[in-house]
């Protein structure tokens, strides 16, 4: 599930860090700092701020790959590190859309911009938590959406700055609010179906009926 172009690049860059003082949580902290700054600059708006917001967002998104790869190849995985990474991802990925709403408050969306940002932000949070709940319930390492051809669905995060720089932020925000809500409903339905399936019998157990 981590055999993507982005993961491969991150794996190559962090390999020299194995055995050094740099730990995955250090990279996660740097991701958090660059992501928060990117969101603040996006919310502020303006040409220069939006340029730096996009660049910092790209760096933050790449660091999201790097911390996990360092943890894996350095055998430094932990529950605490996973939770730190997970909540950082949820906060930043949802915060981007909230920042977009504030950015657009003086545009054609007017007073609807911030509510649209809040809606997209909330939908992203719900989507993330539902995905985590569903994947945990499976217990197989399966992802909600696996992707293919060296990409995962969340690689779309790399595209967000392009919408900012191309001044397509408003259509992107409205689309995100709708699409993320639909995805959340899909994950919820899959989770409910999974919960209704009978549990598999333990390995080695005899489930055949006895002869009369």
N, C-alpha and C. Protein backbone atom coordinates (compact mmCIF):
# COMPACT_ATOMS: atom_id res chain seq x y z
N UNK A 1 0.81 -1.21 0.00
CA UNK A 1 0.00 0.00 0.00
C UNK A 1 0.85 1.27 0.00
N UNK A 2 2.18 1.13 0.24
CA UNK A 2 3.06 2.28 0.21
C UNK A 2 3.99 2.25 -1.00
N UNK A 3 3.61 1.46 -2.01
CA UNK A 3 4.41 1.36 -3.21
C UNK A 3 3.95 2.40 -4.22
N UNK A 4 4.13 3.68 -3.88
CA UNK A 4 3.75 4.77 -4.77
C UNK A 4 5.00 5.57 -5.12
N UNK A 5 4.86 6.39 -6.15
CA UNK A 5 6.00 7.23 -6.55
C UNK A 5 6.42 8.15 -5.41
N UNK A 6 5.45 8.72 -4.73
CA UNK A 6 5.74 9.64 -3.65
C UNK A 6 6.43 8.94 -2.49
N UNK A 7 5.94 7.75 -2.13
CA UNK A 7 6.57 6.99 -1.06
C UNK A 7 7.99 6.57 -1.44
N UNK A 8 8.17 6.16 -2.69
CA UNK A 8 9.50 5.74 -3.13
C UNK A 8 10.50 6.89 -3.05
N UNK A 9 10.09 8.08 -3.46
CA UNK A 9 10.97 9.24 -3.38
C UNK A 9 11.30 9.57 -1.93
N UNK A 10 10.28 9.54 -1.07
CA UNK A 10 10.50 9.82 0.35
C UNK A 10 11.42 8.78 0.98
N UNK A 11 11.23 7.52 0.60
CA UNK A 11 12.06 6.44 1.15
C UNK A 11 13.52 6.65 0.81
N UNK A 12 13.78 7.07 -0.41
CA UNK A 12 15.16 7.31 -0.84
C UNK A 12 15.80 8.45 -0.06
N UNK A 13 15.03 9.51 0.18
CA UNK A 13 15.58 10.68 0.84
C UNK A 13 15.79 10.48 2.34
N UNK A 14 14.96 9.68 2.99
CA UNK A 14 15.10 9.51 4.44
C UNK A 14 16.01 8.36 4.82
N UNK A 15 16.38 7.53 3.86
CA UNK A 15 17.22 6.37 4.20
C UNK A 15 18.51 6.77 4.91
N UNK A 16 19.20 7.85 4.48
CA UNK A 16 20.43 8.24 5.20
C UNK A 16 20.18 8.68 6.65
N UNK A 17 18.90 8.94 7.01
CA UNK A 17 18.60 9.39 8.37
C UNK A 17 18.47 8.24 9.36
N UNK A 18 18.40 7.00 8.85
CA UNK A 18 18.28 5.84 9.73
C UNK A 18 19.54 5.73 10.59
N UNK A 19 19.33 5.62 11.89
CA UNK A 19 20.46 5.51 12.82
C UNK A 19 20.97 6.85 13.31
N UNK A 20 20.38 7.95 12.84
CA UNK A 20 20.77 9.28 13.32
C UNK A 20 19.82 9.73 14.41
N UNK A 21 20.01 10.98 14.86
CA UNK A 21 19.15 11.52 15.92
C UNK A 21 17.77 11.88 15.40
N UNK A 22 17.60 11.93 14.08
CA UNK A 22 16.32 12.32 13.50
C UNK A 22 15.33 11.16 13.62
N UNK A 23 14.19 11.43 14.23
CA UNK A 23 13.16 10.43 14.42
C UNK A 23 11.92 10.79 13.59
N UNK A 24 11.03 9.82 13.35
CA UNK A 24 9.82 10.12 12.57
C UNK A 24 9.00 11.26 13.15
N UNK A 25 8.92 11.36 14.48
CA UNK A 25 8.13 12.44 15.09
C UNK A 25 8.72 13.81 14.79
N UNK A 26 10.04 13.88 14.60
CA UNK A 26 10.66 15.16 14.22
C UNK A 26 10.14 15.60 12.85
N UNK A 27 10.07 14.64 11.93
CA UNK A 27 9.57 14.95 10.59
C UNK A 27 8.09 15.31 10.64
N UNK A 28 7.32 14.59 11.47
CA UNK A 28 5.89 14.90 11.62
C UNK A 28 5.72 16.32 12.17
N UNK A 29 6.56 16.70 13.13
CA UNK A 29 6.48 18.05 13.69
C UNK A 29 6.79 19.10 12.64
N UNK A 30 7.77 18.81 11.77
CA UNK A 30 8.08 19.75 10.69
C UNK A 30 6.93 19.81 9.70
N UNK A 31 6.31 18.68 9.44
CA UNK A 31 5.13 18.66 8.57
C UNK A 31 4.03 19.52 9.16
N UNK A 32 3.79 19.38 10.46
CA UNK A 32 2.75 20.15 11.12
C UNK A 32 3.04 21.65 11.02
N UNK A 33 4.29 22.03 11.28
CA UNK A 33 4.65 23.45 11.25
C UNK A 33 4.48 24.04 9.85
N UNK A 34 4.98 23.33 8.83
CA UNK A 34 4.87 23.85 7.47
C UNK A 34 3.43 23.84 6.99
N UNK A 35 2.65 22.84 7.41
CA UNK A 35 1.25 22.78 7.02
C UNK A 35 0.42 23.88 7.64
N UNK A 36 0.65 24.15 8.93
CA UNK A 36 -0.08 25.23 9.61
C UNK A 36 0.27 26.58 8.97
N UNK A 37 1.55 26.80 8.69
CA UNK A 37 1.96 28.06 8.06
C UNK A 37 1.33 28.19 6.67
N UNK A 38 1.26 27.08 5.93
CA UNK A 38 0.64 27.11 4.61
C UNK A 38 -0.83 27.51 4.71
N UNK A 39 -1.53 26.96 5.69
CA UNK A 39 -2.95 27.28 5.87
C UNK A 39 -3.14 28.74 6.28
N UNK A 40 -2.28 29.24 7.16
CA UNK A 40 -2.39 30.63 7.60
C UNK A 40 -2.15 31.59 6.44
N UNK A 41 -1.17 31.28 5.61
CA UNK A 41 -0.90 32.13 4.45
C UNK A 41 -2.04 32.07 3.44
N UNK A 42 -2.63 30.89 3.29
CA UNK A 42 -3.77 30.76 2.38
C UNK A 42 -4.96 31.57 2.89
N UNK A 43 -5.22 31.50 4.17
CA UNK A 43 -6.33 32.25 4.75
C UNK A 43 -6.12 33.75 4.58
N UNK A 44 -4.87 34.19 4.67
CA UNK A 44 -4.57 35.62 4.51
C UNK A 44 -4.83 36.07 3.09
N UNK A 45 -4.42 35.27 2.11
CA UNK A 45 -4.65 35.61 0.72
C UNK A 45 -3.63 36.60 0.18
N UNK A 46 -3.72 36.85 -1.11
CA UNK A 46 -2.76 37.72 -1.77
C UNK A 46 -1.76 36.90 -2.56
N UNK A 47 -1.21 37.47 -3.61
CA UNK A 47 -0.35 36.74 -4.52
C UNK A 47 0.86 36.10 -3.87
N UNK A 48 1.62 36.87 -3.11
CA UNK A 48 2.83 36.34 -2.48
C UNK A 48 2.49 35.30 -1.42
N UNK A 49 1.48 35.60 -0.61
CA UNK A 49 1.08 34.66 0.43
C UNK A 49 0.61 33.35 -0.16
N UNK A 50 -0.14 33.41 -1.25
CA UNK A 50 -0.65 32.20 -1.88
C UNK A 50 0.46 31.40 -2.55
N UNK A 51 1.45 32.10 -3.09
CA UNK A 51 2.59 31.39 -3.69
C UNK A 51 3.33 30.58 -2.62
N UNK A 52 3.66 31.23 -1.50
CA UNK A 52 4.37 30.54 -0.44
C UNK A 52 3.50 29.49 0.25
N UNK A 53 2.21 29.76 0.31
CA UNK A 53 1.29 28.77 0.89
C UNK A 53 1.34 27.48 0.10
N UNK A 54 1.31 27.59 -1.23
CA UNK A 54 1.35 26.40 -2.07
C UNK A 54 2.65 25.64 -1.96
N UNK A 55 3.77 26.37 -1.93
CA UNK A 55 5.07 25.72 -1.82
C UNK A 55 5.21 25.00 -0.48
N UNK A 56 4.79 25.66 0.58
CA UNK A 56 4.86 25.04 1.91
C UNK A 56 3.93 23.84 2.01
N UNK A 57 2.77 23.93 1.34
CA UNK A 57 1.83 22.81 1.36
C UNK A 57 2.42 21.59 0.65
N UNK A 58 3.09 21.81 -0.46
CA UNK A 58 3.74 20.71 -1.18
C UNK A 58 4.80 20.05 -0.31
N UNK A 59 5.59 20.87 0.38
CA UNK A 59 6.61 20.33 1.29
C UNK A 59 5.96 19.54 2.41
N UNK A 60 4.90 20.09 2.99
CA UNK A 60 4.21 19.42 4.09
C UNK A 60 3.62 18.09 3.65
N UNK A 61 3.02 18.06 2.45
CA UNK A 61 2.44 16.82 1.94
C UNK A 61 3.51 15.76 1.71
N UNK A 62 4.68 16.19 1.25
CA UNK A 62 5.77 15.23 1.03
C UNK A 62 6.31 14.72 2.36
N UNK A 63 6.40 15.59 3.34
CA UNK A 63 6.87 15.17 4.66
C UNK A 63 5.93 14.15 5.30
N UNK A 64 4.65 14.19 4.89
CA UNK A 64 3.71 13.19 5.37
C UNK A 64 4.12 11.80 4.91
N UNK A 65 4.71 11.69 3.73
CA UNK A 65 5.23 10.42 3.26
C UNK A 65 6.54 10.07 3.98
N UNK A 66 7.35 11.09 4.19
CA UNK A 66 8.70 10.86 4.71
C UNK A 66 8.69 10.31 6.14
N UNK A 67 7.80 10.82 7.00
CA UNK A 67 7.82 10.35 8.40
C UNK A 67 7.45 8.88 8.48
N UNK A 68 6.46 8.46 7.70
CA UNK A 68 6.07 7.06 7.72
C UNK A 68 7.14 6.14 7.16
N UNK A 69 7.82 6.60 6.09
CA UNK A 69 8.87 5.78 5.50
C UNK A 69 10.05 5.64 6.44
N UNK A 70 10.42 6.70 7.14
CA UNK A 70 11.51 6.60 8.11
C UNK A 70 11.15 5.64 9.24
N UNK A 71 9.89 5.70 9.67
CA UNK A 71 9.44 4.80 10.73
C UNK A 71 9.52 3.35 10.29
N UNK A 72 9.15 3.09 9.03
CA UNK A 72 9.14 1.71 8.54
C UNK A 72 10.55 1.16 8.32
N UNK A 73 11.36 1.86 7.56
CA UNK A 73 12.68 1.32 7.24
C UNK A 73 13.62 1.38 8.43
N UNK A 74 13.34 2.26 9.39
CA UNK A 74 14.16 2.33 10.59
C UNK A 74 13.62 1.53 11.76
N UNK A 75 12.53 0.79 11.51
CA UNK A 75 11.90 -0.02 12.55
C UNK A 75 11.59 0.82 13.79
N UNK A 76 10.97 1.98 13.56
CA UNK A 76 10.65 2.91 14.65
C UNK A 76 9.15 3.17 14.74
N UNK A 77 8.34 2.22 14.28
CA UNK A 77 6.90 2.40 14.33
C UNK A 77 6.40 2.26 15.76
N UNK A 78 5.42 3.08 16.10
CA UNK A 78 4.81 3.02 17.42
C UNK A 78 3.39 3.52 17.34
N UNK A 79 2.59 3.11 18.31
CA UNK A 79 1.20 3.56 18.36
C UNK A 79 1.12 5.06 18.57
N UNK A 80 1.97 5.57 19.43
CA UNK A 80 1.97 7.02 19.71
C UNK A 80 2.36 7.80 18.46
N UNK A 81 3.37 7.30 17.74
CA UNK A 81 3.78 7.98 16.52
C UNK A 81 2.69 7.95 15.46
N UNK A 82 1.99 6.80 15.37
CA UNK A 82 0.89 6.69 14.41
C UNK A 82 -0.21 7.70 14.72
N UNK A 83 -0.56 7.82 15.99
CA UNK A 83 -1.62 8.75 16.37
C UNK A 83 -1.20 10.20 16.12
N UNK A 84 0.05 10.52 16.42
CA UNK A 84 0.55 11.87 16.17
C UNK A 84 0.46 12.19 14.68
N UNK A 85 0.90 11.27 13.85
CA UNK A 85 0.84 11.44 12.40
C UNK A 85 -0.60 11.54 11.92
N UNK A 86 -1.45 10.68 12.46
CA UNK A 86 -2.85 10.64 12.02
C UNK A 86 -3.58 11.95 12.34
N UNK A 87 -3.46 12.41 13.57
CA UNK A 87 -4.16 13.64 13.94
C UNK A 87 -3.57 14.86 13.26
N UNK A 88 -2.28 14.82 12.96
CA UNK A 88 -1.68 15.89 12.17
C UNK A 88 -2.28 15.91 10.78
N UNK A 89 -2.42 14.74 10.16
CA UNK A 89 -3.02 14.65 8.83
C UNK A 89 -4.44 15.19 8.83
N UNK A 90 -5.24 14.75 9.79
CA UNK A 90 -6.64 15.18 9.86
C UNK A 90 -6.73 16.69 10.02
N UNK A 91 -5.91 17.23 10.92
CA UNK A 91 -5.96 18.67 11.21
C UNK A 91 -5.58 19.50 9.98
N UNK A 92 -4.51 19.11 9.31
CA UNK A 92 -4.03 19.90 8.18
C UNK A 92 -4.92 19.74 6.95
N UNK A 93 -5.30 18.50 6.66
CA UNK A 93 -6.10 18.27 5.45
C UNK A 93 -7.46 18.94 5.54
N UNK A 94 -8.04 18.97 6.72
CA UNK A 94 -9.32 19.67 6.90
C UNK A 94 -9.10 21.17 7.03
N UNK A 95 -7.99 21.56 7.67
CA UNK A 95 -7.70 22.99 7.86
C UNK A 95 -7.47 23.72 6.56
N UNK A 96 -6.98 23.02 5.54
CA UNK A 96 -6.76 23.68 4.25
C UNK A 96 -8.07 24.24 3.71
N UNK A 97 -9.14 23.47 3.81
CA UNK A 97 -10.43 23.90 3.26
C UNK A 97 -11.03 25.04 4.10
N UNK A 98 -10.80 24.99 5.39
CA UNK A 98 -11.26 26.10 6.23
C UNK A 98 -10.51 27.38 5.85
N UNK A 99 -9.19 27.25 5.64
CA UNK A 99 -8.39 28.40 5.23
C UNK A 99 -8.86 28.92 3.87
N UNK A 100 -9.24 28.00 2.98
CA UNK A 100 -9.73 28.42 1.66
C UNK A 100 -11.00 29.25 1.80
N UNK A 101 -11.86 28.89 2.74
CA UNK A 101 -13.08 29.66 2.97
C UNK A 101 -12.77 31.09 3.39
N UNK A 102 -11.80 31.25 4.29
CA UNK A 102 -11.42 32.60 4.72
C UNK A 102 -10.76 33.36 3.58
N UNK A 103 -10.00 32.67 2.75
CA UNK A 103 -9.36 33.31 1.61
C UNK A 103 -10.38 33.91 0.66
N UNK A 104 -11.51 33.22 0.49
CA UNK A 104 -12.51 33.60 -0.51
C UNK A 104 -13.59 34.55 0.01
N UNK A 105 -13.45 34.99 1.25
CA UNK A 105 -14.53 35.79 1.86
C UNK A 105 -14.74 37.13 1.15
N UNK A 106 -13.73 37.60 0.43
CA UNK A 106 -13.87 38.86 -0.30
C UNK A 106 -14.10 38.62 -1.80
N UNK A 107 -14.30 37.36 -2.19
CA UNK A 107 -14.53 37.03 -3.59
C UNK A 107 -16.01 36.92 -3.90
N UNK A 108 -16.32 36.23 -5.02
CA UNK A 108 -17.71 36.17 -5.48
C UNK A 108 -18.58 35.30 -4.58
N UNK A 109 -17.96 34.45 -3.74
CA UNK A 109 -18.77 33.68 -2.79
C UNK A 109 -19.29 34.54 -1.65
N UNK A 110 -18.60 35.62 -1.39
CA UNK A 110 -19.05 36.56 -0.38
C UNK A 110 -19.21 35.92 0.99
N UNK A 111 -20.37 36.18 1.64
CA UNK A 111 -20.58 35.67 3.00
C UNK A 111 -20.81 34.16 3.03
N UNK A 112 -20.90 33.53 1.86
CA UNK A 112 -21.04 32.07 1.82
C UNK A 112 -19.68 31.37 1.85
N UNK A 113 -18.61 32.10 1.69
CA UNK A 113 -17.29 31.50 1.59
C UNK A 113 -16.89 30.76 2.87
N UNK A 114 -17.01 31.44 4.00
CA UNK A 114 -16.59 30.81 5.26
C UNK A 114 -17.47 29.62 5.61
N UNK A 115 -18.82 29.71 5.49
CA UNK A 115 -19.63 28.50 5.72
C UNK A 115 -19.26 27.36 4.79
N UNK A 116 -18.92 27.66 3.53
CA UNK A 116 -18.49 26.60 2.61
C UNK A 116 -17.19 25.98 3.09
N UNK A 117 -16.29 26.81 3.59
CA UNK A 117 -15.04 26.30 4.14
C UNK A 117 -15.26 25.43 5.36
N UNK A 118 -16.17 25.86 6.22
CA UNK A 118 -16.50 25.07 7.42
C UNK A 118 -17.11 23.74 7.03
N UNK A 119 -18.00 23.75 6.02
CA UNK A 119 -18.66 22.52 5.57
C UNK A 119 -17.64 21.54 5.00
N UNK A 120 -16.73 22.04 4.15
CA UNK A 120 -15.71 21.17 3.57
C UNK A 120 -14.76 20.65 4.64
N UNK A 121 -14.43 21.50 5.58
CA UNK A 121 -13.55 21.11 6.69
C UNK A 121 -14.20 20.00 7.52
N UNK A 122 -15.46 20.19 7.89
CA UNK A 122 -16.17 19.19 8.69
C UNK A 122 -16.32 17.88 7.94
N UNK A 123 -16.63 17.96 6.64
CA UNK A 123 -16.78 16.75 5.84
C UNK A 123 -15.47 15.98 5.76
N UNK A 124 -14.34 16.71 5.65
CA UNK A 124 -13.04 16.05 5.60
C UNK A 124 -12.73 15.36 6.93
N UNK A 125 -13.03 16.01 8.04
CA UNK A 125 -12.79 15.40 9.35
C UNK A 125 -13.60 14.12 9.50
N UNK A 126 -14.88 14.20 9.16
CA UNK A 126 -15.75 13.02 9.25
C UNK A 126 -15.24 11.91 8.35
N UNK A 127 -14.82 12.27 7.13
CA UNK A 127 -14.32 11.29 6.18
C UNK A 127 -13.08 10.59 6.72
N UNK A 128 -12.17 11.35 7.32
CA UNK A 128 -10.93 10.79 7.86
C UNK A 128 -11.22 9.83 9.01
N UNK A 129 -12.10 10.23 9.91
CA UNK A 129 -12.40 9.38 11.06
C UNK A 129 -13.15 8.12 10.65
N UNK A 130 -14.06 8.25 9.68
CA UNK A 130 -14.77 7.07 9.19
C UNK A 130 -13.81 6.10 8.50
N UNK A 131 -12.86 6.64 7.72
CA UNK A 131 -11.89 5.79 7.05
C UNK A 131 -11.02 5.05 8.05
N UNK A 132 -10.58 5.74 9.08
CA UNK A 132 -9.76 5.10 10.11
C UNK A 132 -10.54 4.02 10.85
N UNK A 133 -11.81 4.32 11.15
CA UNK A 133 -12.65 3.33 11.85
C UNK A 133 -12.88 2.10 10.99
N UNK A 134 -13.15 2.33 9.71
CA UNK A 134 -13.40 1.20 8.81
C UNK A 134 -12.15 0.34 8.63
N UNK A 135 -11.01 0.98 8.40
CA UNK A 135 -9.78 0.23 8.18
C UNK A 135 -9.37 -0.54 9.43
N UNK A 136 -9.60 0.07 10.60
CA UNK A 136 -9.28 -0.62 11.86
C UNK A 136 -10.18 -1.83 12.05
N UNK A 137 -11.46 -1.70 11.67
CA UNK A 137 -12.40 -2.82 11.83
C UNK A 137 -12.02 -4.01 10.97
N UNK A 138 -11.38 -3.74 9.81
CA UNK A 138 -10.97 -4.82 8.93
C UNK A 138 -9.79 -5.59 9.52
N UNK A 139 -8.84 -4.84 10.09
CA UNK A 139 -7.68 -5.48 10.70
C UNK A 139 -6.77 -6.19 9.74
N UNK A 140 -6.83 -5.84 8.45
CA UNK A 140 -6.02 -6.53 7.44
C UNK A 140 -5.00 -5.61 6.78
N UNK A 141 -5.01 -4.33 7.13
CA UNK A 141 -4.15 -3.37 6.46
C UNK A 141 -4.73 -2.83 5.17
N UNK A 142 -5.92 -3.30 4.82
CA UNK A 142 -6.58 -2.83 3.59
C UNK A 142 -6.98 -1.38 3.76
N UNK A 143 -6.82 -0.60 2.68
CA UNK A 143 -7.24 0.79 2.68
C UNK A 143 -8.65 0.91 2.11
N UNK A 144 -9.33 1.99 2.45
CA UNK A 144 -10.67 2.23 1.93
C UNK A 144 -10.62 2.33 0.41
N UNK A 145 -9.68 3.12 -0.09
CA UNK A 145 -9.47 3.25 -1.53
C UNK A 145 -7.99 3.01 -1.78
N UNK A 146 -7.67 1.96 -2.53
CA UNK A 146 -6.29 1.54 -2.67
C UNK A 146 -5.50 2.35 -3.70
N UNK A 147 -6.15 2.85 -4.74
CA UNK A 147 -5.41 3.55 -5.78
C UNK A 147 -4.75 2.58 -6.74
N UNK A 148 -3.83 3.07 -7.56
CA UNK A 148 -3.13 2.23 -8.52
C UNK A 148 -2.17 3.05 -9.37
N UNK A 149 -1.35 2.34 -10.17
CA UNK A 149 -0.38 2.97 -11.06
C UNK A 149 0.60 3.90 -10.31
N UNK A 150 0.92 3.52 -9.09
CA UNK A 150 1.88 4.30 -8.33
C UNK A 150 1.31 5.51 -7.63
N UNK A 151 -0.02 5.56 -7.52
CA UNK A 151 -0.66 6.70 -6.86
C UNK A 151 -1.70 6.20 -5.85
N UNK A 152 -1.92 6.99 -4.82
CA UNK A 152 -3.00 6.78 -3.88
C UNK A 152 -3.96 7.95 -3.97
N UNK A 153 -5.24 7.76 -3.59
CA UNK A 153 -6.19 8.87 -3.68
C UNK A 153 -5.74 10.14 -2.96
N UNK A 154 -5.05 9.98 -1.81
CA UNK A 154 -4.66 11.19 -1.09
C UNK A 154 -3.46 11.89 -1.73
N UNK A 155 -2.90 11.33 -2.82
CA UNK A 155 -1.91 12.08 -3.59
C UNK A 155 -2.54 13.31 -4.23
N UNK A 156 -3.87 13.36 -4.26
CA UNK A 156 -4.56 14.53 -4.78
C UNK A 156 -4.24 15.78 -3.97
N UNK A 157 -3.74 15.59 -2.74
CA UNK A 157 -3.36 16.74 -1.92
C UNK A 157 -2.26 17.56 -2.58
N UNK A 158 -1.43 16.90 -3.39
CA UNK A 158 -0.38 17.63 -4.10
C UNK A 158 -0.95 18.61 -5.13
N UNK A 159 -2.19 18.37 -5.56
CA UNK A 159 -2.80 19.21 -6.59
C UNK A 159 -3.42 20.48 -6.03
N UNK A 160 -3.67 20.52 -4.73
CA UNK A 160 -4.39 21.66 -4.15
C UNK A 160 -3.72 23.01 -4.45
N UNK A 161 -2.38 23.12 -4.33
CA UNK A 161 -1.79 24.43 -4.67
C UNK A 161 -2.04 24.88 -6.10
N UNK A 162 -2.20 23.92 -7.02
CA UNK A 162 -2.46 24.30 -8.41
C UNK A 162 -3.77 25.05 -8.54
N UNK A 163 -4.78 24.62 -7.75
CA UNK A 163 -6.07 25.32 -7.77
C UNK A 163 -5.94 26.73 -7.20
N UNK A 164 -5.08 26.87 -6.20
CA UNK A 164 -4.85 28.19 -5.62
C UNK A 164 -4.17 29.10 -6.63
N UNK A 165 -3.08 28.62 -7.23
CA UNK A 165 -2.31 29.44 -8.16
C UNK A 165 -3.08 29.75 -9.44
N UNK A 166 -3.99 28.84 -9.84
CA UNK A 166 -4.76 29.06 -11.06
C UNK A 166 -6.04 29.87 -10.78
N UNK A 167 -6.24 30.29 -9.53
CA UNK A 167 -7.42 31.05 -9.11
C UNK A 167 -8.71 30.26 -9.33
N UNK A 168 -8.62 28.96 -9.07
CA UNK A 168 -9.80 28.08 -9.13
C UNK A 168 -10.19 27.62 -7.73
N UNK A 169 -9.85 28.41 -6.75
CA UNK A 169 -10.05 27.99 -5.37
C UNK A 169 -11.53 27.85 -5.02
N UNK A 170 -12.36 28.78 -5.51
CA UNK A 170 -13.79 28.73 -5.20
C UNK A 170 -14.46 27.48 -5.76
N UNK A 171 -14.30 27.16 -7.06
CA UNK A 171 -14.89 25.91 -7.57
C UNK A 171 -14.35 24.68 -6.85
N UNK A 172 -13.05 24.70 -6.53
CA UNK A 172 -12.46 23.57 -5.82
C UNK A 172 -13.10 23.39 -4.45
N UNK A 173 -13.31 24.49 -3.74
CA UNK A 173 -13.88 24.41 -2.39
C UNK A 173 -15.31 23.87 -2.43
N UNK A 174 -16.12 24.37 -3.34
CA UNK A 174 -17.50 23.90 -3.44
C UNK A 174 -17.54 22.43 -3.85
N UNK A 175 -16.67 22.06 -4.79
CA UNK A 175 -16.62 20.65 -5.21
C UNK A 175 -16.17 19.76 -4.06
N UNK A 176 -15.18 20.21 -3.31
CA UNK A 176 -14.66 19.43 -2.18
C UNK A 176 -15.73 19.21 -1.13
N UNK A 177 -16.54 20.25 -0.86
CA UNK A 177 -17.59 20.11 0.14
C UNK A 177 -18.58 19.02 -0.24
N UNK A 178 -18.89 18.94 -1.53
CA UNK A 178 -19.86 17.94 -2.01
C UNK A 178 -19.21 16.56 -2.10
N UNK A 179 -18.05 16.50 -2.78
CA UNK A 179 -17.41 15.21 -3.03
C UNK A 179 -16.98 14.54 -1.73
N UNK A 180 -16.41 15.31 -0.81
CA UNK A 180 -15.95 14.72 0.46
C UNK A 180 -17.14 14.19 1.26
N UNK A 181 -18.26 14.88 1.20
CA UNK A 181 -19.46 14.39 1.88
C UNK A 181 -19.93 13.07 1.27
N UNK A 182 -19.90 12.98 -0.06
CA UNK A 182 -20.30 11.74 -0.74
C UNK A 182 -19.36 10.61 -0.37
N UNK A 183 -18.06 10.89 -0.34
CA UNK A 183 -17.08 9.86 0.03
C UNK A 183 -17.32 9.39 1.47
N UNK A 184 -17.62 10.32 2.36
CA UNK A 184 -17.90 9.95 3.75
C UNK A 184 -19.11 9.01 3.83
N UNK A 185 -20.13 9.28 3.04
CA UNK A 185 -21.32 8.42 3.02
C UNK A 185 -20.99 7.04 2.46
N UNK A 186 -20.12 7.00 1.44
CA UNK A 186 -19.71 5.71 0.88
C UNK A 186 -18.96 4.88 1.93
N UNK A 187 -18.03 5.53 2.63
CA UNK A 187 -17.27 4.81 3.66
C UNK A 187 -18.19 4.34 4.77
N UNK A 188 -19.14 5.18 5.17
CA UNK A 188 -20.08 4.80 6.22
C UNK A 188 -20.90 3.58 5.80
N UNK A 189 -21.35 3.57 4.54
CA UNK A 189 -22.14 2.42 4.08
C UNK A 189 -21.30 1.15 4.04
N UNK A 190 -20.04 1.27 3.63
CA UNK A 190 -19.16 0.10 3.62
C UNK A 190 -18.90 -0.40 5.04
N UNK A 191 -18.75 0.52 5.95
CA UNK A 191 -18.51 0.14 7.35
C UNK A 191 -19.72 -0.57 7.94
N UNK A 192 -20.92 -0.05 7.66
CA UNK A 192 -22.14 -0.67 8.18
C UNK A 192 -22.34 -2.06 7.58
N UNK A 193 -22.02 -2.21 6.29
CA UNK A 193 -22.11 -3.53 5.67
C UNK A 193 -21.10 -4.50 6.28
N UNK A 194 -19.91 -3.98 6.58
CA UNK A 194 -18.89 -4.82 7.19
C UNK A 194 -19.33 -5.30 8.57
N UNK A 195 -20.00 -4.41 9.32
CA UNK A 195 -20.45 -4.77 10.66
C UNK A 195 -21.57 -5.81 10.63
N UNK A 196 -22.32 -5.86 9.52
CA UNK A 196 -23.44 -6.80 9.42
C UNK A 196 -23.00 -8.20 8.98
N UNK A 197 -21.77 -8.31 8.46
CA UNK A 197 -21.30 -9.61 8.01
C UNK A 197 -20.99 -10.50 9.22
N UNK A 198 -21.32 -11.79 9.13
CA UNK A 198 -21.00 -12.70 10.24
C UNK A 198 -19.50 -12.85 10.39
N UNK A 199 -19.06 -12.96 11.63
CA UNK A 199 -17.64 -13.10 11.90
C UNK A 199 -17.14 -14.44 11.37
N UNK A 200 -15.94 -14.46 10.82
CA UNK A 200 -15.35 -15.69 10.29
C UNK A 200 -15.00 -16.62 11.46
N UNK A 201 -15.19 -17.93 11.30
CA UNK A 201 -14.84 -18.85 12.38
C UNK A 201 -13.34 -18.89 12.61
N UNK A 202 -12.90 -19.15 13.82
CA UNK A 202 -11.47 -19.22 14.10
C UNK A 202 -10.80 -20.27 13.24
N UNK A 203 -9.54 -20.04 12.90
CA UNK A 203 -8.79 -20.98 12.07
C UNK A 203 -8.69 -22.33 12.77
N UNK A 204 -8.96 -23.40 12.00
CA UNK A 204 -8.83 -24.73 12.54
C UNK A 204 -10.09 -25.27 13.20
N UNK A 205 -11.11 -24.40 13.31
CA UNK A 205 -12.33 -24.86 13.97
C UNK A 205 -13.16 -25.69 12.99
N UNK A 206 -13.95 -26.63 13.50
CA UNK A 206 -14.76 -27.50 12.67
C UNK A 206 -16.15 -26.91 12.60
N UNK A 207 -16.52 -26.41 11.41
CA UNK A 207 -17.84 -25.78 11.28
C UNK A 207 -18.81 -26.70 10.58
N UNK A 208 -18.38 -27.93 10.27
CA UNK A 208 -19.29 -28.84 9.60
C UNK A 208 -20.28 -29.44 10.60
N UNK A 209 -21.45 -29.74 10.13
CA UNK A 209 -22.48 -30.32 11.02
C UNK A 209 -22.19 -31.81 11.22
N UNK A 210 -22.54 -32.31 12.37
CA UNK A 210 -22.31 -33.72 12.67
C UNK A 210 -23.32 -34.60 11.94
N UNK A 211 -22.87 -35.79 11.49
CA UNK A 211 -23.77 -36.71 10.79
C UNK A 211 -24.75 -37.36 11.75
N UNK A 212 -25.99 -37.70 11.27
CA UNK A 212 -27.01 -38.28 12.13
C UNK A 212 -26.92 -39.78 12.22
